[in-house]
């Protein structure tokens, strides 16, 4: 029980100590206009899901199958789930 309490205390102290660095990084992201986090390096629609469009996955050929493993892991971006009619 003591160990659990120490874990929470440590997390709180680290949060307090790291807040200036996190705020600085948030400001850099805001100023530079950086996009989302790049988790995969294969295809551009898996590198930056927020920038994907409806045809990006079929950029090589309209009937091409998914040939990147990350394409099966990354879900469809929210802005592409619902189409405005």
N, C-alpha and C. Protein backbone atom coordinates (compact mmCIF):
# COMPACT_ATOMS: atom_id res chain seq x y z
N UNK A 1 0.84 -1.19 0.00
CA UNK A 1 0.00 0.00 0.00
C UNK A 1 0.88 1.26 0.00
N UNK A 2 1.95 1.19 0.73
CA UNK A 2 2.87 2.33 0.77
C UNK A 2 3.48 2.57 -0.61
N UNK A 3 3.84 1.47 -1.27
CA UNK A 3 4.42 1.58 -2.61
C UNK A 3 3.44 2.23 -3.58
N UNK A 4 2.18 1.85 -3.50
CA UNK A 4 1.16 2.45 -4.37
C UNK A 4 1.04 3.94 -4.11
N UNK A 5 1.05 4.32 -2.85
CA UNK A 5 1.00 5.74 -2.50
C UNK A 5 2.20 6.50 -3.02
N UNK A 6 3.38 5.88 -2.91
CA UNK A 6 4.59 6.53 -3.42
C UNK A 6 4.56 6.69 -4.94
N UNK A 7 3.97 5.73 -5.62
CA UNK A 7 3.86 5.83 -7.08
C UNK A 7 3.02 7.05 -7.46
N UNK A 8 1.90 7.25 -6.76
CA UNK A 8 1.05 8.40 -7.06
C UNK A 8 1.72 9.73 -6.69
N UNK A 9 2.44 9.73 -5.58
CA UNK A 9 3.17 10.94 -5.18
C UNK A 9 4.24 11.26 -6.21
N UNK A 10 4.97 10.25 -6.65
CA UNK A 10 6.01 10.46 -7.66
C UNK A 10 5.42 11.00 -8.95
N UNK A 11 4.29 10.45 -9.38
CA UNK A 11 3.64 10.92 -10.61
C UNK A 11 3.23 12.38 -10.47
N UNK A 12 2.72 12.75 -9.33
CA UNK A 12 2.30 14.14 -9.11
C UNK A 12 3.49 15.09 -9.12
N UNK A 13 4.58 14.69 -8.48
CA UNK A 13 5.79 15.52 -8.45
C UNK A 13 6.36 15.66 -9.85
N UNK A 14 6.43 14.56 -10.62
CA UNK A 14 6.97 14.63 -11.99
C UNK A 14 6.09 15.52 -12.87
N UNK A 15 4.78 15.41 -12.68
CA UNK A 15 3.87 16.26 -13.46
C UNK A 15 4.15 17.73 -13.18
N UNK A 16 4.33 18.06 -11.92
CA UNK A 16 4.62 19.45 -11.55
C UNK A 16 5.96 19.92 -12.11
N UNK A 17 6.98 19.05 -12.05
CA UNK A 17 8.31 19.43 -12.54
C UNK A 17 8.38 19.51 -14.06
N UNK A 18 7.60 18.68 -14.75
CA UNK A 18 7.65 18.62 -16.21
C UNK A 18 6.70 19.61 -16.90
N UNK A 19 5.83 20.26 -16.15
CA UNK A 19 4.84 21.14 -16.75
C UNK A 19 5.46 22.29 -17.58
N UNK A 20 6.52 22.94 -17.13
CA UNK A 20 7.11 23.99 -17.97
C UNK A 20 7.59 23.46 -19.33
N UNK A 21 8.20 22.29 -19.33
CA UNK A 21 8.66 21.69 -20.58
C UNK A 21 7.48 21.33 -21.49
N UNK A 22 6.43 20.77 -20.92
CA UNK A 22 5.25 20.43 -21.72
C UNK A 22 4.58 21.68 -22.30
N UNK A 23 4.52 22.74 -21.51
CA UNK A 23 3.95 24.00 -22.02
C UNK A 23 4.80 24.59 -23.14
N UNK A 24 6.11 24.48 -22.99
CA UNK A 24 7.01 24.98 -24.04
C UNK A 24 6.83 24.18 -25.33
N UNK A 25 6.73 22.88 -25.22
CA UNK A 25 6.52 22.05 -26.41
C UNK A 25 5.17 22.30 -27.05
N UNK A 26 4.16 22.52 -26.23
CA UNK A 26 2.83 22.84 -26.77
C UNK A 26 2.87 24.16 -27.54
N UNK A 27 3.62 25.12 -27.04
CA UNK A 27 3.75 26.40 -27.74
C UNK A 27 4.49 26.24 -29.07
N UNK A 28 5.52 25.39 -29.08
CA UNK A 28 6.25 25.13 -30.33
C UNK A 28 5.33 24.50 -31.37
N UNK A 29 4.52 23.53 -30.94
CA UNK A 29 3.57 22.89 -31.84
C UNK A 29 2.58 23.90 -32.39
N UNK A 30 2.11 24.79 -31.53
CA UNK A 30 1.14 25.81 -31.94
C UNK A 30 1.76 26.80 -32.94
N UNK A 31 2.95 27.27 -32.65
CA UNK A 31 3.62 28.26 -33.50
C UNK A 31 3.98 27.66 -34.86
N UNK A 32 4.52 26.45 -34.86
CA UNK A 32 4.95 25.82 -36.10
C UNK A 32 3.81 25.17 -36.88
N UNK A 33 2.66 25.00 -36.23
CA UNK A 33 1.53 24.37 -36.90
C UNK A 33 1.78 22.91 -37.23
N UNK A 34 2.40 22.18 -36.30
CA UNK A 34 2.73 20.78 -36.54
C UNK A 34 1.47 19.91 -36.57
N UNK A 35 1.55 18.83 -37.33
CA UNK A 35 0.42 17.92 -37.44
C UNK A 35 0.47 16.88 -36.34
N UNK A 36 -0.33 15.85 -36.49
CA UNK A 36 -0.41 14.81 -35.48
C UNK A 36 0.88 13.99 -35.40
N UNK A 37 0.94 13.18 -34.40
CA UNK A 37 2.11 12.34 -34.16
C UNK A 37 2.29 11.31 -35.25
N UNK A 38 3.51 11.13 -35.71
CA UNK A 38 3.82 10.14 -36.75
C UNK A 38 4.19 8.82 -36.07
N UNK A 39 3.30 7.82 -36.17
CA UNK A 39 3.54 6.52 -35.54
C UNK A 39 4.09 5.50 -36.52
N UNK A 40 3.79 5.65 -37.78
CA UNK A 40 4.24 4.71 -38.80
C UNK A 40 4.97 5.47 -39.89
N UNK A 41 5.92 4.82 -40.55
CA UNK A 41 6.69 5.49 -41.59
C UNK A 41 6.40 4.94 -42.97
N UNK A 42 5.37 4.11 -43.10
CA UNK A 42 5.14 3.44 -44.38
C UNK A 42 4.42 4.33 -45.38
N UNK A 43 3.14 4.47 -45.24
CA UNK A 43 2.34 5.21 -46.21
C UNK A 43 1.92 6.54 -45.61
N UNK A 44 1.71 7.53 -46.45
CA UNK A 44 1.37 8.86 -45.92
C UNK A 44 0.03 8.88 -45.21
N UNK A 45 -0.91 8.01 -45.59
CA UNK A 45 -2.20 8.01 -44.90
C UNK A 45 -2.13 7.32 -43.55
N UNK A 46 -1.04 6.61 -43.26
CA UNK A 46 -0.84 6.09 -41.90
C UNK A 46 0.11 6.97 -41.10
N UNK A 47 0.94 7.76 -41.77
CA UNK A 47 1.82 8.70 -41.06
C UNK A 47 1.03 9.85 -40.49
N UNK A 48 0.13 10.39 -41.26
CA UNK A 48 -0.65 11.57 -40.85
C UNK A 48 -2.12 11.34 -41.15
N UNK A 49 -2.83 10.59 -40.29
CA UNK A 49 -4.24 10.28 -40.54
C UNK A 49 -5.14 11.51 -40.66
N UNK A 50 -4.80 12.60 -39.98
CA UNK A 50 -5.65 13.78 -40.06
C UNK A 50 -5.58 14.46 -41.42
N UNK A 51 -4.57 14.12 -42.22
CA UNK A 51 -4.43 14.72 -43.54
C UNK A 51 -4.88 13.80 -44.66
N UNK A 52 -5.39 12.62 -44.31
CA UNK A 52 -5.80 11.65 -45.33
C UNK A 52 -7.12 12.06 -45.97
N UNK A 53 -7.32 11.64 -47.23
CA UNK A 53 -8.59 11.87 -47.91
C UNK A 53 -9.15 10.52 -48.36
N UNK A 54 -10.29 10.53 -49.03
CA UNK A 54 -10.97 9.28 -49.39
C UNK A 54 -10.16 8.44 -50.39
N UNK A 55 -9.35 9.04 -51.22
CA UNK A 55 -8.65 8.31 -52.27
C UNK A 55 -7.19 8.00 -51.92
N UNK A 56 -6.72 8.42 -50.80
CA UNK A 56 -5.31 8.25 -50.47
C UNK A 56 -4.89 6.80 -50.41
N UNK A 57 -5.73 5.95 -49.86
CA UNK A 57 -5.36 4.54 -49.74
C UNK A 57 -5.26 3.85 -51.10
N UNK A 58 -5.88 4.42 -52.13
CA UNK A 58 -5.87 3.83 -53.47
C UNK A 58 -5.01 4.65 -54.42
N UNK A 59 -3.96 5.26 -53.90
CA UNK A 59 -3.13 6.15 -54.72
C UNK A 59 -2.35 5.40 -55.80
N UNK A 60 -2.04 4.11 -55.57
CA UNK A 60 -1.29 3.36 -56.56
C UNK A 60 -2.18 2.84 -57.68
N UNK A 61 -3.35 2.35 -57.31
CA UNK A 61 -4.28 1.80 -58.30
C UNK A 61 -5.66 1.73 -57.65
N UNK A 62 -6.73 2.04 -58.37
CA UNK A 62 -8.07 2.04 -57.76
C UNK A 62 -8.49 0.70 -57.15
N UNK A 63 -7.99 -0.40 -57.68
CA UNK A 63 -8.37 -1.73 -57.17
C UNK A 63 -7.27 -2.38 -56.35
N UNK A 64 -6.29 -1.60 -55.92
CA UNK A 64 -5.16 -2.17 -55.19
C UNK A 64 -5.58 -2.58 -53.78
N UNK A 65 -4.99 -3.64 -53.30
CA UNK A 65 -5.22 -4.09 -51.94
C UNK A 65 -4.25 -3.39 -51.00
N UNK A 66 -4.60 -3.35 -49.73
CA UNK A 66 -3.72 -2.75 -48.73
C UNK A 66 -2.44 -3.58 -48.63
N UNK A 67 -1.30 -2.97 -48.88
CA UNK A 67 -0.05 -3.71 -48.82
C UNK A 67 0.87 -3.24 -47.70
N UNK A 68 0.40 -2.32 -46.88
CA UNK A 68 1.16 -1.89 -45.72
C UNK A 68 0.51 -2.46 -44.47
N UNK A 69 1.27 -3.10 -43.60
CA UNK A 69 0.67 -3.65 -42.38
C UNK A 69 0.00 -2.59 -41.50
N UNK A 70 0.56 -1.41 -41.47
CA UNK A 70 -0.01 -0.37 -40.62
C UNK A 70 -1.39 0.07 -41.10
N UNK A 71 -1.69 -0.12 -42.37
CA UNK A 71 -3.01 0.24 -42.88
C UNK A 71 -4.12 -0.58 -42.27
N UNK A 72 -3.79 -1.78 -41.78
CA UNK A 72 -4.78 -2.63 -41.12
C UNK A 72 -4.94 -2.27 -39.65
N UNK A 73 -3.99 -1.52 -39.11
CA UNK A 73 -4.02 -1.17 -37.69
C UNK A 73 -4.66 0.20 -37.47
N UNK A 74 -4.36 1.15 -38.32
CA UNK A 74 -4.83 2.52 -38.16
C UNK A 74 -6.31 2.60 -38.53
N UNK A 75 -7.16 3.11 -37.63
CA UNK A 75 -8.58 3.23 -37.97
C UNK A 75 -8.82 4.37 -38.95
N UNK A 76 -9.99 4.40 -39.52
CA UNK A 76 -10.38 5.47 -40.43
C UNK A 76 -10.44 6.77 -39.63
N UNK A 77 -9.85 7.86 -40.13
CA UNK A 77 -9.90 9.13 -39.40
C UNK A 77 -11.34 9.59 -39.21
N UNK A 78 -11.63 10.27 -38.10
CA UNK A 78 -13.00 10.70 -37.82
C UNK A 78 -13.61 11.56 -38.92
N UNK A 79 -12.79 12.40 -39.56
CA UNK A 79 -13.36 13.29 -40.57
C UNK A 79 -13.74 12.53 -41.86
N UNK A 80 -13.36 11.26 -41.99
CA UNK A 80 -13.74 10.48 -43.14
C UNK A 80 -14.85 9.46 -42.84
N UNK A 81 -15.22 9.33 -41.59
CA UNK A 81 -16.26 8.35 -41.24
C UNK A 81 -17.64 8.79 -41.70
N UNK A 82 -17.90 10.04 -41.61
CA UNK A 82 -19.22 10.57 -41.95
C UNK A 82 -19.11 11.53 -43.11
N UNK A 83 -19.74 11.19 -44.19
CA UNK A 83 -19.67 12.05 -45.38
C UNK A 83 -20.86 12.98 -45.39
N UNK A 84 -20.65 14.23 -45.69
CA UNK A 84 -21.72 15.22 -45.79
C UNK A 84 -22.36 15.07 -47.16
N UNK A 85 -23.66 14.90 -47.16
CA UNK A 85 -24.36 14.71 -48.44
C UNK A 85 -25.08 15.96 -48.84
